[in-house]
Amino acid sequence: MPGRRSRENSEWRDESIKIAQTLRQARKGRGLTQEDLAVQSGVKLSSLRAIEDGRVTEPGIFKVVLLAKALSIDLNDLLRNVHPPHSRLDA
């Protein structure tokens, strides 16, 4: 299923953790629970939890966009410190 990889050895693992940390920090900074954010964004609570917990290492772009919009985070700011793994650049 595209956008929902959850393998521990994913080459995107470190990058998805950066996204998860930014989302969690923004959510908590706005005083929202995961339930609140799920309702406001339209993303399933189980998906949000999996993203924040790092169980989904390649979250779908549409879910990330919905979460960023609900948190009023510019997508560029959210992805600023995310860099593609080197193996993808070498192909």
PDB file of N, CA and C in Angstrom:
ATOM      1  N   MET A   1       0.845  -1.178   0.000  1.00  0.00           N
ATOM      2  CA  MET A   1       0.000   0.000   0.000  1.00  0.00           C
ATOM      3  C   MET A   1       0.892   1.244   0.000  1.00  0.00           C
ATOM      4  N   PRO A   2       0.784   2.099  -0.992  1.00  0.00           N
ATOM      5  CA  PRO A   2       1.638   3.282  -1.075  1.00  0.00           C
ATOM      6  C   PRO A   2       1.456   4.194   0.133  1.00  0.00           C
ATOM      7  N   GLY A   3       2.577   4.726   0.607  1.00  0.00           N
ATOM      8  CA  GLY A   3       2.514   5.706   1.674  1.00  0.00           C
ATOM      9  C   GLY A   3       2.312   5.160   3.058  1.00  0.00           C
ATOM     10  N   ARG A   4       2.375   3.843   3.214  1.00  0.00           N
ATOM     11  CA  ARG A   4       2.110   3.301   4.542  1.00  0.00           C
ATOM     12  C   ARG A   4       3.120   2.218   4.893  1.00  0.00           C
ATOM     13  N   ARG A   5       4.356   2.429   4.635  1.00  0.00           N
ATOM     14  CA  ARG A   5       5.370   1.445   4.961  1.00  0.00           C
ATOM     15  C   ARG A   5       5.662   1.498   6.441  1.00  0.00           C
ATOM     16  N   SER A   6       5.795   0.348   7.050  1.00  0.00           N
ATOM     17  CA  SER A   6       6.055   0.326   8.478  1.00  0.00           C
ATOM     18  C   SER A   6       7.181  -0.632   8.821  1.00  0.00           C
ATOM     19  N   ARG A   7       8.062  -0.865   7.895  1.00  0.00           N
ATOM     20  CA  ARG A   7       9.190  -1.746   8.160  1.00  0.00           C
ATOM     21  C   ARG A   7      10.220  -1.028   9.005  1.00  0.00           C
ATOM     22  N   GLU A   8      10.763  -1.753   9.966  1.00  0.00           N
ATOM     23  CA  GLU A   8      11.776  -1.184  10.849  1.00  0.00           C
ATOM     24  C   GLU A   8      13.026  -0.770  10.092  1.00  0.00           C
ATOM     25  N   ASN A   9      13.366  -1.456   9.027  1.00  0.00           N
ATOM     26  CA  ASN A   9      14.605  -1.173   8.310  1.00  0.00           C
ATOM     27  C   ASN A   9      14.414  -0.203   7.149  1.00  0.00           C
ATOM     28  N   SER A  10      13.313   0.514   7.123  1.00  0.00           N
ATOM     29  CA  SER A  10      13.082   1.470   6.047  1.00  0.00           C
ATOM     30  C   SER A  10      14.184   2.512   6.038  1.00  0.00           C
ATOM     31  N   GLU A  11      14.648   2.842   4.842  1.00  0.00           N
ATOM     32  CA  GLU A  11      15.700   3.843   4.726  1.00  0.00           C
ATOM     33  C   GLU A  11      15.195   5.246   5.071  1.00  0.00           C
ATOM     34  N   TRP A  12      13.885   5.406   5.218  1.00  0.00           N
ATOM     35  CA  TRP A  12      13.279   6.690   5.575  1.00  0.00           C
ATOM     36  C   TRP A  12      13.016   6.816   7.069  1.00  0.00           C
ATOM     37  N   ARG A  13      13.388   5.817   7.856  1.00  0.00           N
ATOM     38  CA  ARG A  13      13.051   5.784   9.283  1.00  0.00           C
ATOM     39  C   ARG A  13      13.451   7.067  10.016  1.00  0.00           C
ATOM     40  N   ASP A  14      14.695   7.484   9.876  1.00  0.00           N
ATOM     41  CA  ASP A  14      15.160   8.680  10.592  1.00  0.00           C
ATOM     42  C   ASP A  14      14.395   9.927  10.156  1.00  0.00           C
ATOM     43  N   GLU A  15      14.075   9.987   8.885  1.00  0.00           N
ATOM     44  CA  GLU A  15      13.362  11.164   8.372  1.00  0.00           C
ATOM     45  C   GLU A  15      11.922  11.192   8.864  1.00  0.00           C
ATOM     46  N   SER A  16      11.284  10.041   8.934  1.00  0.00           N
ATOM     47  CA  SER A  16       9.904  10.002   9.419  1.00  0.00           C
ATOM     48  C   SER A  16       9.840  10.350  10.904  1.00  0.00           C
ATOM     49  N   ILE A  17      10.886  10.023  11.644  1.00  0.00           N
ATOM     50  CA  ILE A  17      10.932  10.391  13.064  1.00  0.00           C
ATOM     51  C   ILE A  17      10.988  11.906  13.208  1.00  0.00           C
ATOM     52  N   LYS A  18      11.708  12.577  12.313  1.00  0.00           N
ATOM     53  CA  LYS A  18      11.757  14.043  12.350  1.00  0.00           C
ATOM     54  C   LYS A  18      10.365  14.628  12.120  1.00  0.00           C
ATOM     55  N   ILE A  19       9.643  14.076  11.152  1.00  0.00           N
ATOM     56  CA  ILE A  19       8.282  14.544  10.885  1.00  0.00           C
ATOM     57  C   ILE A  19       7.396  14.284  12.096  1.00  0.00           C
ATOM     58  N   ALA A  20       7.487  13.096  12.656  1.00  0.00           N
ATOM     59  CA  ALA A  20       6.677  12.735  13.819  1.00  0.00           C
ATOM     60  C   ALA A  20       6.935  13.673  14.990  1.00  0.00           C
ATOM     61  N   GLN A  21       8.197  13.979  15.246  1.00  0.00           N
ATOM     62  CA  GLN A  21       8.543  14.865  16.359  1.00  0.00           C
ATOM     63  C   GLN A  21       7.993  16.269  16.136  1.00  0.00           C
ATOM     64  N   THR A  22       8.093  16.753  14.912  1.00  0.00           N
ATOM     65  CA  THR A  22       7.574  18.089  14.603  1.00  0.00           C
ATOM     66  C   THR A  22       6.061  18.133  14.759  1.00  0.00           C
ATOM     67  N   LEU A  23       5.378  17.120  14.257  1.00  0.00           N
ATOM     68  CA  LEU A  23       3.922  17.075  14.386  1.00  0.00           C
ATOM     69  C   LEU A  23       3.502  16.998  15.848  1.00  0.00           C
ATOM     70  N   ARG A  24       4.143  16.130  16.613  1.00  0.00           N
ATOM     71  CA  ARG A  24       3.805  15.966  18.032  1.00  0.00           C
ATOM     72  C   ARG A  24       4.035  17.264  18.803  1.00  0.00           C
ATOM     73  N   GLN A  25       5.173  17.893  18.544  1.00  0.00           N
ATOM     74  CA  GLN A  25       5.506  19.140  19.225  1.00  0.00           C
ATOM     75  C   GLN A  25       4.474  20.230  18.901  1.00  0.00           C
ATOM     76  N   ALA A  26       4.102  20.334  17.631  1.00  0.00           N
ATOM     77  CA  ALA A  26       3.110  21.330  17.223  1.00  0.00           C
ATOM     78  C   ALA A  26       1.752  21.033  17.846  1.00  0.00           C
ATOM     79  N   ARG A  27       1.375  19.766  17.854  1.00  0.00           N
ATOM     80  CA  ARG A  27       0.077  19.381  18.437  1.00  0.00           C
ATOM     81  C   ARG A  27       0.028  19.728  19.911  1.00  0.00           C
ATOM     82  N   LYS A  28       1.058  19.333  20.637  1.00  0.00           N
ATOM     83  CA  LYS A  28       1.094  19.607  22.077  1.00  0.00           C
ATOM     84  C   LYS A  28       1.202  21.106  22.350  1.00  0.00           C
ATOM     85  N   GLY A  29       1.949  21.819  21.524  1.00  0.00           N
ATOM     86  CA  GLY A  29       2.085  23.265  21.683  1.00  0.00           C
ATOM     87  C   GLY A  29       0.770  24.002  21.510  1.00  0.00           C
ATOM     88  N   ARG A  30      -0.136  23.399  20.782  1.00  0.00           N
ATOM     89  CA  ARG A  30      -1.462  23.993  20.581  1.00  0.00           C
ATOM     90  C   ARG A  30      -2.477  23.450  21.572  1.00  0.00           C
ATOM     91  N   GLY A  31      -2.011  22.608  22.491  1.00  0.00           N
ATOM     92  CA  GLY A  31      -2.895  22.073  23.521  1.00  0.00           C
ATOM     93  C   GLY A  31      -3.897  21.054  23.000  1.00  0.00           C
ATOM     94  N   LEU A  32      -3.558  20.383  21.907  1.00  0.00           N
ATOM     95  CA  LEU A  32      -4.465  19.399  21.311  1.00  0.00           C
ATOM     96  C   LEU A  32      -4.082  17.992  21.716  1.00  0.00           C
ATOM     97  N   THR A  33      -5.073  17.162  21.886  1.00  0.00           N
ATOM     98  CA  THR A  33      -4.835  15.731  22.068  1.00  0.00           C
ATOM     99  C   THR A  33      -4.752  15.094  20.687  1.00  0.00           C
ATOM    100  N   GLN A  34      -4.308  13.861  20.645  1.00  0.00           N
ATOM    101  CA  GLN A  34      -4.307  13.150  19.370  1.00  0.00           C
ATOM    102  C   GLN A  34      -5.728  13.031  18.837  1.00  0.00           C
ATOM    103  N   GLU A  35      -6.680  12.836  19.728  1.00  0.00           N
ATOM    104  CA  GLU A  35      -8.082  12.734  19.317  1.00  0.00           C
ATOM    105  C   GLU A  35      -8.551  14.035  18.677  1.00  0.00           C
ATOM    106  N   ASP A  36      -8.195  15.171  19.311  1.00  0.00           N
ATOM    107  CA  ASP A  36      -8.566  16.478  18.749  1.00  0.00           C
ATOM    108  C   ASP A  36      -8.008  16.647  17.337  1.00  0.00           C
ATOM    109  N   LEU A  37      -6.728  16.346  17.183  1.00  0.00           N
ATOM    110  CA  LEU A  37      -6.080  16.521  15.882  1.00  0.00           C
ATOM    111  C   LEU A  37      -6.668  15.580  14.840  1.00  0.00           C
ATOM    112  N   ALA A  38      -6.987  14.370  15.240  1.00  0.00           N
ATOM    113  CA  ALA A  38      -7.592  13.428  14.299  1.00  0.00           C
ATOM    114  C   ALA A  38      -8.917  13.976  13.768  1.00  0.00           C
ATOM    115  N   VAL A  39      -9.718  14.515  14.651  1.00  0.00           N
ATOM    116  CA  VAL A  39     -11.012  15.076  14.243  1.00  0.00           C
ATOM    117  C   VAL A  39     -10.806  16.297  13.348  1.00  0.00           C
ATOM    118  N   GLN A  40      -9.919  17.194  13.750  1.00  0.00           N
ATOM    119  CA  GLN A  40      -9.703  18.427  12.991  1.00  0.00           C
ATOM    120  C   GLN A  40      -9.084  18.179  11.621  1.00  0.00           C
ATOM    121  N   SER A  41      -8.244  17.160  11.524  1.00  0.00           N
ATOM    122  CA  SER A  41      -7.541  16.903  10.264  1.00  0.00           C
ATOM    123  C   SER A  41      -8.279  15.938   9.345  1.00  0.00           C
ATOM    124  N   GLY A  42      -9.118  15.097   9.929  1.00  0.00           N
ATOM    125  CA  GLY A  42      -9.775  14.060   9.133  1.00  0.00           C
ATOM    126  C   GLY A  42      -8.921  12.815   8.962  1.00  0.00           C
ATOM    127  N   VAL A  43      -7.795  12.761   9.668  1.00  0.00           N
ATOM    128  CA  VAL A  43      -6.920  11.585   9.639  1.00  0.00           C
ATOM    129  C   VAL A  43      -7.361  10.644  10.763  1.00  0.00           C
ATOM    130  N   LYS A  44      -7.459   9.362  10.450  1.00  0.00           N
ATOM    131  CA  LYS A  44      -7.875   8.401  11.467  1.00  0.00           C
ATOM    132  C   LYS A  44      -6.942   8.457  12.667  1.00  0.00           C
ATOM    133  N   LEU A  45      -7.515   8.324  13.852  1.00  0.00           N
ATOM    134  CA  LEU A  45      -6.740   8.355  15.086  1.00  0.00           C
ATOM    135  C   LEU A  45      -5.648   7.290  15.074  1.00  0.00           C
ATOM    136  N   SER A  46      -5.957   6.106  14.597  1.00  0.00           N
ATOM    137  CA  SER A  46      -4.956   5.036  14.563  1.00  0.00           C
ATOM    138  C   SER A  46      -3.787   5.394  13.641  1.00  0.00           C
ATOM    139  N   SER A  47      -4.078   6.068  12.537  1.00  0.00           N
ATOM    140  CA  SER A  47      -3.017   6.501  11.624  1.00  0.00           C
ATOM    141  C   SER A  47      -2.150   7.573  12.268  1.00  0.00           C
ATOM    142  N   LEU A  48      -2.789   8.531  12.921  1.00  0.00           N
ATOM    143  CA  LEU A  48      -2.057   9.593  13.600  1.00  0.00           C
ATOM    144  C   LEU A  48      -1.139   9.013  14.675  1.00  0.00           C
ATOM    145  N   ARG A  49      -1.665   8.101  15.462  1.00  0.00           N
ATOM    146  CA  ARG A  49      -0.857   7.472  16.511  1.00  0.00           C
ATOM    147  C   ARG A  49       0.331   6.720  15.912  1.00  0.00           C
ATOM    148  N   ALA A  50       0.095   6.003  14.835  1.00  0.00           N
ATOM    149  CA  ALA A  50       1.172   5.238  14.196  1.00  0.00           C
ATOM    150  C   ALA A  50       2.251   6.163  13.639  1.00  0.00           C
ATOM    151  N   ILE A  51       1.846   7.296  13.088  1.00  0.00           N
ATOM    152  CA  ILE A  51       2.819   8.263  12.562  1.00  0.00           C
ATOM    153  C   ILE A  51       3.623   8.861  13.709  1.00  0.00           C
ATOM    154  N   GLU A  52       2.929   9.330  14.741  1.00  0.00           N
ATOM    155  CA  GLU A  52       3.618   9.958  15.873  1.00  0.00           C
ATOM    156  C   GLU A  52       4.514   8.970  16.623  1.00  0.00           C
ATOM    157  N   ASP A  53       4.113   7.727  16.672  1.00  0.00           N
ATOM    158  CA  ASP A  53       4.899   6.712  17.380  1.00  0.00           C
ATOM    159  C   ASP A  53       6.044   6.159  16.549  1.00  0.00           C
ATOM    160  N   GLY A  54       6.109   6.565  15.286  1.00  0.00           N
ATOM    161  CA  GLY A  54       7.182   6.100  14.417  1.00  0.00           C
ATOM    162  C   GLY A  54       6.968   4.709  13.848  1.00  0.00           C
ATOM    163  N   ARG A  55       5.750   4.199  13.959  1.00  0.00           N
ATOM    164  CA  ARG A  55       5.467   2.872  13.406  1.00  0.00           C
ATOM    165  C   ARG A  55       5.245   2.916  11.902  1.00  0.00           C
ATOM    166  N   VAL A  56       4.911   4.068  11.375  1.00  0.00           N
ATOM    167  CA  VAL A  56       4.782   4.246   9.931  1.00  0.00           C
ATOM    168  C   VAL A  56       5.983   5.065   9.499  1.00  0.00           C
ATOM    169  N   THR A  57       6.862   4.452   8.737  1.00  0.00           N
ATOM    170  CA  THR A  57       8.113   5.122   8.395  1.00  0.00           C
ATOM    171  C   THR A  57       8.045   5.906   7.091  1.00  0.00           C
ATOM    172  N   GLU A  58       6.994   5.725   6.336  1.00  0.00           N
ATOM    173  CA  GLU A  58       6.805   6.499   5.117  1.00  0.00           C
ATOM    174  C   GLU A  58       5.342   6.921   5.042  1.00  0.00           C
ATOM    175  N   PRO A  59       4.962   7.916   5.876  1.00  0.00           N
ATOM    176  CA  PRO A  59       3.554   8.325   5.894  1.00  0.00           C
ATOM    177  C   PRO A  59       3.136   8.919   4.560  1.00  0.00           C
ATOM    178  N   GLY A  60       1.905   8.696   4.196  1.00  0.00           N
ATOM    179  CA  GLY A  60       1.388   9.226   2.935  1.00  0.00           C
ATOM    180  C   GLY A  60       1.382  10.745   2.934  1.00  0.00           C
ATOM    181  N   ILE A  61       1.711  11.321   1.800  1.00  0.00           N
ATOM    182  CA  ILE A  61       1.798  12.774   1.683  1.00  0.00           C
ATOM    183  C   ILE A  61       0.461  13.444   1.978  1.00  0.00           C
ATOM    184  N   PHE A  62      -0.639  12.824   1.604  1.00  0.00           N
ATOM    185  CA  PHE A  62      -1.942  13.445   1.837  1.00  0.00           C
ATOM    186  C   PHE A  62      -2.252  13.526   3.324  1.00  0.00           C
ATOM    187  N   LYS A  63      -1.873  12.502   4.073  1.00  0.00           N
ATOM    188  CA  LYS A  63      -2.073  12.553   5.529  1.00  0.00           C
ATOM    189  C   LYS A  63      -1.192  13.623   6.155  1.00  0.00           C
ATOM    190  N   VAL A  64       0.035  13.708   5.704  1.00  0.00           N
ATOM    191  CA  VAL A  64       0.953  14.727   6.230  1.00  0.00           C
ATOM    192  C   VAL A  64       0.414  16.122   5.926  1.00  0.00           C
ATOM    193  N   VAL A  65      -0.101  16.326   4.729  1.00  0.00           N
ATOM    194  CA  VAL A  65      -0.665  17.629   4.358  1.00  0.00           C
ATOM    195  C   VAL A  65      -1.873  17.952   5.233  1.00  0.00           C
ATOM    196  N   LEU A  66      -2.757  16.994   5.434  1.00  0.00           N
ATOM    197  CA  LEU A  66      -3.934  17.226   6.280  1.00  0.00           C
ATOM    198  C   LEU A  66      -3.540  17.582   7.707  1.00  0.00           C
ATOM    199  N   LEU A  67      -2.559  16.868   8.247  1.00  0.00           N
ATOM    200  CA  LEU A  67      -2.107  17.146   9.612  1.00  0.00           C
ATOM    201  C   LEU A  67      -1.456  18.523   9.697  1.00  0.00           C
ATOM    202  N   ALA A  68      -0.620  18.855   8.725  1.00  0.00           N
ATOM    203  CA  ALA A  68       0.039  20.158   8.723  1.00  0.00           C
ATOM    204  C   ALA A  68      -0.990  21.287   8.635  1.00  0.00           C
ATOM    205  N   LYS A  69      -1.982  21.124   7.784  1.00  0.00           N
ATOM    206  CA  LYS A  69      -3.022  22.156   7.645  1.00  0.00           C
ATOM    207  C   LYS A  69      -3.798  22.322   8.947  1.00  0.00           C
ATOM    208  N   ALA A  70      -4.155  21.219   9.573  1.00  0.00           N
ATOM    209  CA  ALA A  70      -4.918  21.288  10.823  1.00  0.00           C
ATOM    210  C   ALA A  70      -4.112  21.967  11.924  1.00  0.00           C
ATOM    211  N   LEU A  71      -2.791  21.846  11.855  1.00  0.00           N
ATOM    212  CA  LEU A  71      -1.914  22.459  12.859  1.00  0.00           C
ATOM    213  C   LEU A  71      -1.402  23.835  12.433  1.00  0.00           C
ATOM    214  N   SER A  72      -1.820  24.285  11.253  1.00  0.00           N
ATOM    215  CA  SER A  72      -1.361  25.563  10.694  1.00  0.00           C
ATOM    216  C   SER A  72       0.158  25.605  10.559  1.00  0.00           C
ATOM    217  N   ILE A  73       0.726  24.490  10.104  1.00  0.00           N
ATOM    218  CA  ILE A  73       2.161  24.404   9.849  1.00  0.00           C
ATOM    219  C   ILE A  73       2.367  24.453   8.343  1.00  0.00           C
ATOM    220  N   ASP A  74       3.260  25.300   7.900  1.00  0.00           N
ATOM    221  CA  ASP A  74       3.610  25.338   6.494  1.00  0.00           C
ATOM    222  C   ASP A  74       4.326  24.036   6.146  1.00  0.00           C
ATOM    223  N   LEU A  75       3.939  23.412   5.076  1.00  0.00           N
ATOM    224  CA  LEU A  75       4.529  22.131   4.688  1.00  0.00           C
ATOM    225  C   LEU A  75       6.041  22.249   4.478  1.00  0.00           C
ATOM    226  N   ASN A  76       6.494  23.364   3.955  1.00  0.00           N
ATOM    227  CA  ASN A  76       7.933  23.573   3.784  1.00  0.00           C
ATOM    228  C   ASN A  76       8.655  23.567   5.131  1.00  0.00           C
ATOM    229  N   ASP A  77       8.046  24.169   6.136  1.00  0.00           N
ATOM    230  CA  ASP A  77       8.653  24.175   7.467  1.00  0.00           C
ATOM    231  C   ASP A  77       8.677  22.774   8.055  1.00  0.00           C
ATOM    232  N   LEU A  78       7.612  22.031   7.841  1.00  0.00           N
ATOM    233  CA  LEU A  78       7.533  20.670   8.365  1.00  0.00           C
ATOM    234  C   LEU A  78       8.621  19.784   7.761  1.00  0.00           C
ATOM    235  N   LEU A  79       8.888  19.974   6.487  1.00  0.00           N
ATOM    236  CA  LEU A  79       9.823  19.106   5.779  1.00  0.00           C
ATOM    237  C   LEU A  79      11.228  19.694   5.635  1.00  0.00           C
ATOM    238  N   ARG A  80      11.463  20.828   6.242  1.00  0.00           N
ATOM    239  CA  ARG A  80      12.743  21.533   6.099  1.00  0.00           C
ATOM    240  C   ARG A  80      13.958  20.671   6.433  1.00  0.00           C
ATOM    241  N   ASN A  81      13.888  19.874   7.485  1.00  0.00           N
ATOM    242  CA  ASN A  81      15.040  19.071   7.911  1.00  0.00           C
ATOM    243  C   ASN A  81      14.972  17.617   7.453  1.00  0.00           C
ATOM    244  N   VAL A  82      14.075  17.337   6.528  1.00  0.00           N
ATOM    245  CA  VAL A  82      13.930  15.981   6.006  1.00  0.00           C
ATOM    246  C   VAL A  82      14.720  15.881   4.709  1.00  0.00           C
ATOM    247  N   HIS A  83      15.597  14.890   4.655  1.00  0.00           N
ATOM    248  CA  HIS A  83      16.451  14.711   3.482  1.00  0.00           C
ATOM    249  C   HIS A  83      16.326  13.286   2.965  1.00  0.00           C
ATOM    250  N   PRO A  84      16.258  13.128   1.638  1.00  0.00           N
ATOM    251  CA  PRO A  84      16.136  11.773   1.090  1.00  0.00           C
ATOM    252  C   PRO A  84      17.363  10.930   1.421  1.00  0.00           C
ATOM    253  N   PRO A  85      17.127   9.645   1.644  1.00  0.00           N
ATOM    254  CA  PRO A  85      18.254   8.749   1.884  1.00  0.00           C
ATOM    255  C   PRO A  85      19.209   8.756   0.682  1.00  0.00           C
ATOM    256  N   HIS A  86      20.490   8.588   0.932  1.00  0.00           N
ATOM    257  CA  HIS A  86      21.491   8.654  -0.131  1.00  0.00           C
ATOM    258  C   HIS A  86      21.292   7.578  -1.192  1.00  0.00           C
ATOM    259  N   SER A  87      20.811   6.401  -0.806  1.00  0.00           N
ATOM    260  CA  SER A  87      20.655   5.335  -1.789  1.00  0.00           C
ATOM    261  C   SER A  87      19.655   5.715  -2.879  1.00  0.00           C
ATOM    262  N   ARG A  88      18.678   6.537  -2.563  1.00  0.00           N
ATOM    263  CA  ARG A  88      17.715   6.980  -3.571  1.00  0.00           C
ATOM    264  C   ARG A  88      18.328   8.018  -4.496  1.00  0.00           C
ATOM    265  N   LEU A  89      19.258   8.798  -3.981  1.00  0.00           N
ATOM    266  CA  LEU A  89      19.895   9.822  -4.799  1.00  0.00           C
ATOM    267  C   LEU A  89      20.900   9.232  -5.776  1.00  0.00           C
ATOM    268  N   ASP A  90      21.455   8.088  -5.424  1.00  0.00           N
ATOM    269  CA  ASP A  90      22.475   7.463  -6.256  1.00  0.00           C
ATOM    270  C   ASP A  90      21.901   6.696  -7.438  1.00  0.00           C
ATOM    271  N   ALA A  91      20.601   6.462  -7.429  1.00  0.00           N
ATOM    272  CA  ALA A  91      19.988   5.636  -8.484  1.00  0.00           C
ATOM    273  C   ALA A  91      19.917   6.361  -9.810  1.00  0.00           C
TER     274      ALA A  91
END
